[in-house]
Amino acid sequence: MIRQHMKIFGRVQGVGFRYRASYVANGLGLTGWVRNDWDGSVELEVQGTIEQINRMLSLVNQGTYIMIEDIKRKELPCMEHESGFHVRS
């Protein structure tokens, strides 16, 4: 189990990225959150296996208008009692 903080760049705001990420992450059993950032990127923290996390990103990137161009990742300590994946404003 790992936790990653990500900053995702590309066509990721105004295209349903956050809600698609939440739907996919919850379906895969991941926990964490996602929100839009002031610079046009999307920021998220996600916890699960690396395979689940990579699968989530792959499925989100298949969205009709979504286009991930770059991802900056940083490892974080896991949060033991977190439940679900949520959209933050």
PDB file of N, CA and C in Angstrom:
ATOM      1  N   MET A   1       0.856  -1.180   0.000  1.00  0.00           N
ATOM      2  CA  MET A   1       0.000   0.000   0.000  1.00  0.00           C
ATOM      3  C   MET A   1       0.894   1.233   0.000  1.00  0.00           C
ATOM      4  N   ILE A   2       0.573   2.192  -0.877  1.00  0.00           N
ATOM      5  CA  ILE A   2       1.319   3.450  -0.933  1.00  0.00           C
ATOM      6  C   ILE A   2       0.333   4.612  -1.001  1.00  0.00           C
ATOM      7  N   ARG A   3       0.850   5.811  -0.755  1.00  0.00           N
ATOM      8  CA  ARG A   3       0.076   7.045  -0.910  1.00  0.00           C
ATOM      9  C   ARG A   3       0.936   7.994  -1.733  1.00  0.00           C
ATOM     10  N   GLN A   4       0.321   8.601  -2.735  1.00  0.00           N
ATOM     11  CA  GLN A   4       1.032   9.548  -3.579  1.00  0.00           C
ATOM     12  C   GLN A   4       0.267  10.853  -3.674  1.00  0.00           C
ATOM     13  N   HIS A   5       1.028  11.941  -3.651  1.00  0.00           N
ATOM     14  CA  HIS A   5       0.486  13.263  -3.972  1.00  0.00           C
ATOM     15  C   HIS A   5       0.864  13.514  -5.423  1.00  0.00           C
ATOM     16  N   MET A   6      -0.106  13.966  -6.231  1.00  0.00           N
ATOM     17  CA  MET A   6       0.152  14.219  -7.644  1.00  0.00           C
ATOM     18  C   MET A   6      -0.343  15.591  -8.044  1.00  0.00           C
ATOM     19  N   LYS A   7       0.410  16.185  -8.924  1.00  0.00           N
ATOM     20  CA  LYS A   7       0.000  17.410  -9.598  1.00  0.00           C
ATOM     21  C   LYS A   7      -0.071  17.029 -11.071  1.00  0.00           C
ATOM     22  N   ILE A   8      -1.261  17.154 -11.658  1.00  0.00           N
ATOM     23  CA  ILE A   8      -1.498  16.667 -13.009  1.00  0.00           C
ATOM     24  C   ILE A   8      -1.762  17.854 -13.936  1.00  0.00           C
ATOM     25  N   PHE A   9      -1.012  17.885 -15.038  1.00  0.00           N
ATOM     26  CA  PHE A   9      -1.075  18.976 -16.002  1.00  0.00           C
ATOM     27  C   PHE A   9      -1.637  18.473 -17.327  1.00  0.00           C
ATOM     28  N   GLY A  10      -2.237  19.376 -18.070  1.00  0.00           N
ATOM     29  CA  GLY A  10      -2.806  19.060 -19.371  1.00  0.00           C
ATOM     30  C   GLY A  10      -4.193  19.652 -19.474  1.00  0.00           C
ATOM     31  N   ARG A  11      -5.051  19.008 -20.256  1.00  0.00           N
ATOM     32  CA  ARG A  11      -6.454  19.444 -20.338  1.00  0.00           C
ATOM     33  C   ARG A  11      -7.203  18.684 -19.244  1.00  0.00           C
ATOM     34  N   VAL A  12      -7.185  19.269 -18.039  1.00  0.00           N
ATOM     35  CA  VAL A  12      -7.704  18.559 -16.865  1.00  0.00           C
ATOM     36  C   VAL A  12      -8.727  19.368 -16.056  1.00  0.00           C
ATOM     37  N   GLN A  13      -8.960  20.616 -16.415  1.00  0.00           N
ATOM     38  CA  GLN A  13      -9.989  21.406 -15.737  1.00  0.00           C
ATOM     39  C   GLN A  13     -11.110  21.717 -16.716  1.00  0.00           C
ATOM     40  N   GLY A  14     -12.339  21.656 -16.232  1.00  0.00           N
ATOM     41  CA  GLY A  14     -13.495  21.950 -17.057  1.00  0.00           C
ATOM     42  C   GLY A  14     -13.884  20.818 -17.993  1.00  0.00           C
ATOM     43  N   VAL A  15     -13.351  19.622 -17.733  1.00  0.00           N
ATOM     44  CA  VAL A  15     -13.606  18.467 -18.610  1.00  0.00           C
ATOM     45  C   VAL A  15     -14.109  17.251 -17.834  1.00  0.00           C
ATOM     46  N   GLY A  16     -14.470  17.434 -16.567  1.00  0.00           N
ATOM     47  CA  GLY A  16     -14.990  16.332 -15.757  1.00  0.00           C
ATOM     48  C   GLY A  16     -13.934  15.472 -15.110  1.00  0.00           C
ATOM     49  N   PHE A  17     -12.701  15.951 -15.059  1.00  0.00           N
ATOM     50  CA  PHE A  17     -11.594  15.158 -14.507  1.00  0.00           C
ATOM     51  C   PHE A  17     -11.857  14.734 -13.070  1.00  0.00           C
ATOM     52  N   ARG A  18     -12.226  15.690 -12.202  1.00  0.00           N
ATOM     53  CA  ARG A  18     -12.381  15.379 -10.777  1.00  0.00           C
ATOM     54  C   ARG A  18     -13.461  14.331 -10.533  1.00  0.00           C
ATOM     55  N   TYR A  19     -14.576  14.465 -11.216  1.00  0.00           N
ATOM     56  CA  TYR A  19     -15.680  13.528 -10.987  1.00  0.00           C
ATOM     57  C   TYR A  19     -15.392  12.166 -11.595  1.00  0.00           C
ATOM     58  N   ARG A  20     -14.709  12.147 -12.722  1.00  0.00           N
ATOM     59  CA  ARG A  20     -14.298  10.868 -13.304  1.00  0.00           C
ATOM     60  C   ARG A  20     -13.271  10.192 -12.396  1.00  0.00           C
ATOM     61  N   ALA A  21     -12.308  10.969 -11.875  1.00  0.00           N
ATOM     62  CA  ALA A  21     -11.295  10.419 -10.971  1.00  0.00           C
ATOM     63  C   ALA A  21     -11.947   9.832  -9.726  1.00  0.00           C
ATOM     64  N   SER A  22     -12.919  10.537  -9.173  1.00  0.00           N
ATOM     65  CA  SER A  22     -13.608  10.056  -7.982  1.00  0.00           C
ATOM     66  C   SER A  22     -14.365   8.757  -8.272  1.00  0.00           C
ATOM     67  N   TYR A  23     -15.080   8.718  -9.378  1.00  0.00           N
ATOM     68  CA  TYR A  23     -15.844   7.526  -9.764  1.00  0.00           C
ATOM     69  C   TYR A  23     -14.918   6.325  -9.958  1.00  0.00           C
ATOM     70  N   VAL A  24     -13.835   6.518 -10.701  1.00  0.00           N
ATOM     71  CA  VAL A  24     -12.897   5.428 -10.984  1.00  0.00           C
ATOM     72  C   VAL A  24     -12.191   4.986  -9.703  1.00  0.00           C
ATOM     73  N   ALA A  25     -11.708   5.941  -8.908  1.00  0.00           N
ATOM     74  CA  ALA A  25     -10.978   5.606  -7.681  1.00  0.00           C
ATOM     75  C   ALA A  25     -11.862   4.819  -6.717  1.00  0.00           C
ATOM     76  N   ASN A  26     -13.103   5.256  -6.534  1.00  0.00           N
ATOM     77  CA  ASN A  26     -14.006   4.527  -5.646  1.00  0.00           C
ATOM     78  C   ASN A  26     -14.287   3.132  -6.182  1.00  0.00           C
ATOM     79  N   GLY A  27     -14.410   2.988  -7.487  1.00  0.00           N
ATOM     80  CA  GLY A  27     -14.633   1.683  -8.095  1.00  0.00           C
ATOM     81  C   GLY A  27     -13.466   0.732  -7.914  1.00  0.00           C
ATOM     82  N   LEU A  28     -12.260   1.297  -7.835  1.00  0.00           N
ATOM     83  CA  LEU A  28     -11.052   0.476  -7.651  1.00  0.00           C
ATOM     84  C   LEU A  28     -10.699   0.274  -6.179  1.00  0.00           C
ATOM     85  N   GLY A  29     -11.457   0.897  -5.274  1.00  0.00           N
ATOM     86  CA  GLY A  29     -11.192   0.751  -3.846  1.00  0.00           C
ATOM     87  C   GLY A  29     -10.072   1.639  -3.336  1.00  0.00           C
ATOM     88  N   LEU A  30      -9.775   2.725  -4.045  1.00  0.00           N
ATOM     89  CA  LEU A  30      -8.742   3.662  -3.623  1.00  0.00           C
ATOM     90  C   LEU A  30      -9.328   4.692  -2.666  1.00  0.00           C
ATOM     91  N   THR A  31      -8.476   5.321  -1.887  1.00  0.00           N
ATOM     92  CA  THR A  31      -8.903   6.408  -1.016  1.00  0.00           C
ATOM     93  C   THR A  31      -8.107   7.651  -1.356  1.00  0.00           C
ATOM     94  N   GLY A  32      -8.639   8.809  -0.937  1.00  0.00           N
ATOM     95  CA  GLY A  32      -7.929  10.064  -1.161  1.00  0.00           C
ATOM     96  C   GLY A  32      -8.863  11.181  -1.562  1.00  0.00           C
ATOM     97  N   TRP A  33      -8.324  12.140  -2.310  1.00  0.00           N
ATOM     98  CA  TRP A  33      -9.086  13.316  -2.724  1.00  0.00           C
ATOM     99  C   TRP A  33      -8.502  13.903  -3.999  1.00  0.00           C
ATOM    100  N   VAL A  34      -9.298  14.759  -4.650  1.00  0.00           N
ATOM    101  CA  VAL A  34      -8.885  15.466  -5.863  1.00  0.00           C
ATOM    102  C   VAL A  34      -9.478  16.865  -5.837  1.00  0.00           C
ATOM    103  N   ARG A  35      -8.744  17.847  -6.371  1.00  0.00           N
ATOM    104  CA  ARG A  35      -9.254  19.219  -6.468  1.00  0.00           C
ATOM    105  C   ARG A  35      -8.543  19.964  -7.596  1.00  0.00           C
ATOM    106  N   ASN A  36      -9.223  20.983  -8.124  1.00  0.00           N
ATOM    107  CA  ASN A  36      -8.601  21.873  -9.099  1.00  0.00           C
ATOM    108  C   ASN A  36      -7.628  22.788  -8.387  1.00  0.00           C
ATOM    109  N   ASP A  37      -6.541  23.135  -9.067  1.00  0.00           N
ATOM    110  CA  ASP A  37      -5.567  24.068  -8.512  1.00  0.00           C
ATOM    111  C   ASP A  37      -5.639  25.382  -9.290  1.00  0.00           C
ATOM    112  N   TRP A  38      -5.153  26.442  -8.696  1.00  0.00           N
ATOM    113  CA  TRP A  38      -5.250  27.796  -9.250  1.00  0.00           C
ATOM    114  C   TRP A  38      -4.529  27.943 -10.586  1.00  0.00           C
ATOM    115  N   ASP A  39      -3.531  27.093 -10.870  1.00  0.00           N
ATOM    116  CA  ASP A  39      -2.716  27.248 -12.076  1.00  0.00           C
ATOM    117  C   ASP A  39      -3.229  26.438 -13.275  1.00  0.00           C
ATOM    118  N   GLY A  40      -4.434  25.867 -13.154  1.00  0.00           N
ATOM    119  CA  GLY A  40      -4.998  25.091 -14.252  1.00  0.00           C
ATOM    120  C   GLY A  40      -4.709  23.604 -14.171  1.00  0.00           C
ATOM    121  N   SER A  41      -3.947  23.204 -13.172  1.00  0.00           N
ATOM    122  CA  SER A  41      -3.653  21.786 -12.972  1.00  0.00           C
ATOM    123  C   SER A  41      -4.686  21.187 -12.022  1.00  0.00           C
ATOM    124  N   VAL A  42      -4.582  19.891 -11.816  1.00  0.00           N
ATOM    125  CA  VAL A  42      -5.398  19.192 -10.831  1.00  0.00           C
ATOM    126  C   VAL A  42      -4.451  18.573  -9.820  1.00  0.00           C
ATOM    127  N   GLU A  43      -4.808  18.674  -8.557  1.00  0.00           N
ATOM    128  CA  GLU A  43      -4.006  18.124  -7.473  1.00  0.00           C
ATOM    129  C   GLU A  43      -4.787  16.980  -6.847  1.00  0.00           C
ATOM    130  N   LEU A  44      -4.093  15.894  -6.524  1.00  0.00           N
ATOM    131  CA  LEU A  44      -4.770  14.792  -5.854  1.00  0.00           C
ATOM    132  C   LEU A  44      -3.816  14.029  -4.960  1.00  0.00           C
ATOM    133  N   GLU A  45      -4.395  13.388  -3.964  1.00  0.00           N
ATOM    134  CA  GLU A  45      -3.702  12.403  -3.146  1.00  0.00           C
ATOM    135  C   GLU A  45      -4.490  11.125  -3.271  1.00  0.00           C
ATOM    136  N   VAL A  46      -3.778  10.038  -3.492  1.00  0.00           N
ATOM    137  CA  VAL A  46      -4.446   8.757  -3.692  1.00  0.00           C
ATOM    138  C   VAL A  46      -3.653   7.671  -2.964  1.00  0.00           C
ATOM    139  N   GLN A  47      -4.398   6.734  -2.401  1.00  0.00           N
ATOM    140  CA  GLN A  47      -3.794   5.654  -1.620  1.00  0.00           C
ATOM    141  C   GLN A  47      -4.331   4.313  -2.092  1.00  0.00           C
ATOM    142  N   GLY A  48      -3.423   3.379  -2.315  1.00  0.00           N
ATOM    143  CA  GLY A  48      -3.748   2.025  -2.764  1.00  0.00           C
ATOM    144  C   GLY A  48      -2.474   1.356  -3.235  1.00  0.00           C
ATOM    145  N   THR A  49      -2.603   0.341  -4.048  1.00  0.00           N
ATOM    146  CA  THR A  49      -1.403  -0.280  -4.624  1.00  0.00           C
ATOM    147  C   THR A  49      -0.973   0.535  -5.836  1.00  0.00           C
ATOM    148  N   ILE A  50       0.278   0.420  -6.233  1.00  0.00           N
ATOM    149  CA  ILE A  50       0.761   1.147  -7.401  1.00  0.00           C
ATOM    150  C   ILE A  50       0.003   0.710  -8.656  1.00  0.00           C
ATOM    151  N   GLU A  51      -0.369  -0.554  -8.709  1.00  0.00           N
ATOM    152  CA  GLU A  51      -1.134  -1.050  -9.857  1.00  0.00           C
ATOM    153  C   GLU A  51      -2.509  -0.386  -9.929  1.00  0.00           C
ATOM    154  N   GLN A  52      -3.185  -0.273  -8.767  1.00  0.00           N
ATOM    155  CA  GLN A  52      -4.496   0.380  -8.727  1.00  0.00           C
ATOM    156  C   GLN A  52      -4.383   1.853  -9.121  1.00  0.00           C
ATOM    157  N   ILE A  53      -3.374   2.522  -8.614  1.00  0.00           N
ATOM    158  CA  ILE A  53      -3.184   3.946  -8.899  1.00  0.00           C
ATOM    159  C   ILE A  53      -2.925   4.165 -10.388  1.00  0.00           C
ATOM    160  N   ASN A  54      -2.041   3.361 -10.963  1.00  0.00           N
ATOM    161  CA  ASN A  54      -1.749   3.495 -12.390  1.00  0.00           C
ATOM    162  C   ASN A  54      -2.969   3.163 -13.237  1.00  0.00           C
ATOM    163  N   ARG A  55      -3.756   2.188 -12.818  1.00  0.00           N
ATOM    164  CA  ARG A  55      -4.992   1.836 -13.530  1.00  0.00           C
ATOM    165  C   ARG A  55      -5.982   2.997 -13.472  1.00  0.00           C
ATOM    166  N   MET A  56      -6.096   3.640 -12.303  1.00  0.00           N
ATOM    167  CA  MET A  56      -6.985   4.788 -12.166  1.00  0.00           C
ATOM    168  C   MET A  56      -6.587   5.883 -13.145  1.00  0.00           C
ATOM    169  N   LEU A  57      -5.310   6.216 -13.195  1.00  0.00           N
ATOM    170  CA  LEU A  57      -4.847   7.275 -14.090  1.00  0.00           C
ATOM    171  C   LEU A  57      -5.122   6.922 -15.552  1.00  0.00           C
ATOM    172  N   SER A  58      -4.907   5.676 -15.901  1.00  0.00           N
ATOM    173  CA  SER A  58      -5.161   5.218 -17.264  1.00  0.00           C
ATOM    174  C   SER A  58      -6.637   5.353 -17.625  1.00  0.00           C
ATOM    175  N   LEU A  59      -7.519   4.937 -16.723  1.00  0.00           N
ATOM    176  CA  LEU A  59      -8.958   5.015 -16.977  1.00  0.00           C
ATOM    177  C   LEU A  59      -9.452   6.461 -17.032  1.00  0.00           C
ATOM    178  N   VAL A  60      -8.927   7.304 -16.167  1.00  0.00           N
ATOM    179  CA  VAL A  60      -9.326   8.717 -16.170  1.00  0.00           C
ATOM    180  C   VAL A  60      -8.882   9.376 -17.478  1.00  0.00           C
ATOM    181  N   ASN A  61      -7.685   9.048 -17.927  1.00  0.00           N
ATOM    182  CA  ASN A  61      -7.142   9.655 -19.142  1.00  0.00           C
ATOM    183  C   ASN A  61      -7.904   9.228 -20.391  1.00  0.00           C
ATOM    184  N   GLN A  62      -8.725   8.191 -20.298  1.00  0.00           N
ATOM    185  CA  GLN A  62      -9.527   7.751 -21.439  1.00  0.00           C
ATOM    186  C   GLN A  62     -10.807   8.559 -21.593  1.00  0.00           C
ATOM    187  N   GLY A  63     -11.035   9.506 -20.679  1.00  0.00           N
ATOM    188  CA  GLY A  63     -12.210  10.364 -20.783  1.00  0.00           C
ATOM    189  C   GLY A  63     -12.194  11.143 -22.088  1.00  0.00           C
ATOM    190  N   THR A  64     -13.349  11.437 -22.628  1.00  0.00           N
ATOM    191  CA  THR A  64     -13.474  12.057 -23.950  1.00  0.00           C
ATOM    192  C   THR A  64     -12.665  13.342 -24.097  1.00  0.00           C
ATOM    193  N   TYR A  65     -12.729  14.247 -23.135  1.00  0.00           N
ATOM    194  CA  TYR A  65     -12.076  15.553 -23.267  1.00  0.00           C
ATOM    195  C   TYR A  65     -10.816  15.682 -22.423  1.00  0.00           C
ATOM    196  N   ILE A  66     -10.520  14.702 -21.615  1.00  0.00           N
ATOM    197  CA  ILE A  66      -9.380  14.747 -20.706  1.00  0.00           C
ATOM    198  C   ILE A  66      -8.110  14.357 -21.450  1.00  0.00           C
ATOM    199  N   MET A  67      -7.020  15.121 -21.213  1.00  0.00           N
ATOM    200  CA  MET A  67      -5.730  14.765 -21.787  1.00  0.00           C
ATOM    201  C   MET A  67      -4.625  15.093 -20.770  1.00  0.00           C
ATOM    202  N   ILE A  68      -4.113  14.063 -20.122  1.00  0.00           N
ATOM    203  CA  ILE A  68      -3.018  14.228 -19.171  1.00  0.00           C
ATOM    204  C   ILE A  68      -1.728  14.376 -19.963  1.00  0.00           C
ATOM    205  N   GLU A  69      -0.993  15.462 -19.701  1.00  0.00           N
ATOM    206  CA  GLU A  69       0.276  15.696 -20.387  1.00  0.00           C
ATOM    207  C   GLU A  69       1.482  15.435 -19.495  1.00  0.00           C
ATOM    208  N   ASP A  70       1.348  15.679 -18.193  1.00  0.00           N
ATOM    209  CA  ASP A  70       2.472  15.490 -17.272  1.00  0.00           C
ATOM    210  C   ASP A  70       1.933  15.251 -15.873  1.00  0.00           C
ATOM    211  N   ILE A  71       2.652  14.450 -15.109  1.00  0.00           N
ATOM    212  CA  ILE A  71       2.288  14.167 -13.720  1.00  0.00           C
ATOM    213  C   ILE A  71       3.536  14.291 -12.859  1.00  0.00           C
ATOM    214  N   LYS A  72       3.464  15.110 -11.837  1.00  0.00           N
ATOM    215  CA  LYS A  72       4.518  15.213 -10.822  1.00  0.00           C
ATOM    216  C   LYS A  72       4.038  14.410  -9.619  1.00  0.00           C
ATOM    217  N   ARG A  73       4.822  13.398  -9.207  1.00  0.00           N
ATOM    218  CA  ARG A  73       4.416  12.510  -8.113  1.00  0.00           C
ATOM    219  C   ARG A  73       5.371  12.634  -6.933  1.00  0.00           C
ATOM    220  N   LYS A  74       4.799  12.494  -5.733  1.00  0.00           N
ATOM    221  CA  LYS A  74       5.597  12.490  -4.506  1.00  0.00           C
ATOM    222  C   LYS A  74       4.992  11.462  -3.561  1.00  0.00           C
ATOM    223  N   GLU A  75       5.835  10.616  -2.978  1.00  0.00           N
ATOM    224  CA  GLU A  75       5.383   9.614  -2.010  1.00  0.00           C
ATOM    225  C   GLU A  75       5.078  10.285  -0.674  1.00  0.00           C
ATOM    226  N   LEU A  76       4.015   9.828  -0.037  1.00  0.00           N
ATOM    227  CA  LEU A  76       3.588  10.320   1.274  1.00  0.00           C
ATOM    228  C   LEU A  76       3.354   9.138   2.205  1.00  0.00           C
ATOM    229  N   PRO A  77       3.346   9.382   3.518  1.00  0.00           N
ATOM    230  CA  PRO A  77       2.977   8.304   4.444  1.00  0.00           C
ATOM    231  C   PRO A  77       1.496   7.936   4.253  1.00  0.00           C
ATOM    232  N   CYS A  78       1.177   6.674   4.397  1.00  0.00           N
ATOM    233  CA  CYS A  78      -0.208   6.207   4.276  1.00  0.00           C
ATOM    234  C   CYS A  78      -1.050   6.729   5.437  1.00  0.00           C
ATOM    235  N   MET A  79      -2.329   6.930   5.174  1.00  0.00           N
ATOM    236  CA  MET A  79      -3.296   7.326   6.199  1.00  0.00           C
ATOM    237  C   MET A  79      -4.159   6.107   6.500  1.00  0.00           C
ATOM    238  N   GLU A  80      -4.062   5.593   7.716  1.00  0.00           N
ATOM    239  CA  GLU A  80      -4.692   4.322   8.074  1.00  0.00           C
ATOM    240  C   GLU A  80      -6.216   4.343   8.077  1.00  0.00           C
ATOM    241  N   HIS A  81      -6.827   5.403   8.527  1.00  0.00           N
ATOM    242  CA  HIS A  81      -8.273   5.388   8.749  1.00  0.00           C
ATOM    243  C   HIS A  81      -9.059   6.181   7.708  1.00  0.00           C
ATOM    244  N   GLU A  82      -8.476   6.427   6.563  1.00  0.00           N
ATOM    245  CA  GLU A  82      -9.169   7.161   5.508  1.00  0.00           C
ATOM    246  C   GLU A  82     -10.173   6.240   4.816  1.00  0.00           C
ATOM    247  N   SER A  83     -11.309   6.800   4.449  1.00  0.00           N
ATOM    248  CA  SER A  83     -12.308   5.997   3.728  1.00  0.00           C
ATOM    249  C   SER A  83     -12.801   6.767   2.515  1.00  0.00           C
ATOM    250  N   GLY A  84     -12.868   6.109   1.392  1.00  0.00           N
ATOM    251  CA  GLY A  84     -13.397   6.695   0.175  1.00  0.00           C
ATOM    252  C   GLY A  84     -12.474   7.676  -0.505  1.00  0.00           C
ATOM    253  N   PHE A  85     -12.883   8.083  -1.671  1.00  0.00           N
ATOM    254  CA  PHE A  85     -12.162   9.064  -2.481  1.00  0.00           C
ATOM    255  C   PHE A  85     -13.131  10.205  -2.750  1.00  0.00           C
ATOM    256  N   HIS A  86     -12.718  11.452  -2.511  1.00  0.00           N
ATOM    257  CA  HIS A  86     -13.628  12.598  -2.516  1.00  0.00           C
ATOM    258  C   HIS A  86     -13.135  13.728  -3.400  1.00  0.00           C
ATOM    259  N   VAL A  87     -14.067  14.475  -3.946  1.00  0.00           N
ATOM    260  CA  VAL A  87     -13.781  15.707  -4.668  1.00  0.00           C
ATOM    261  C   VAL A  87     -13.758  16.838  -3.664  1.00  0.00           C
ATOM    262  N   ARG A  88     -12.679  17.616  -3.661  1.00  0.00           N
ATOM    263  CA  ARG A  88     -12.579  18.802  -2.803  1.00  0.00           C
ATOM    264  C   ARG A  88     -12.743  20.034  -3.669  1.00  0.00           C
ATOM    265  N   SER A  89     -13.261  21.111  -3.054  1.00  0.00           N
ATOM    266  CA  SER A  89     -13.379  22.357  -3.826  1.00  0.00           C
ATOM    267  C   SER A  89     -12.234  23.290  -3.517  1.00  0.00           C
TER     268      SER A  89
END
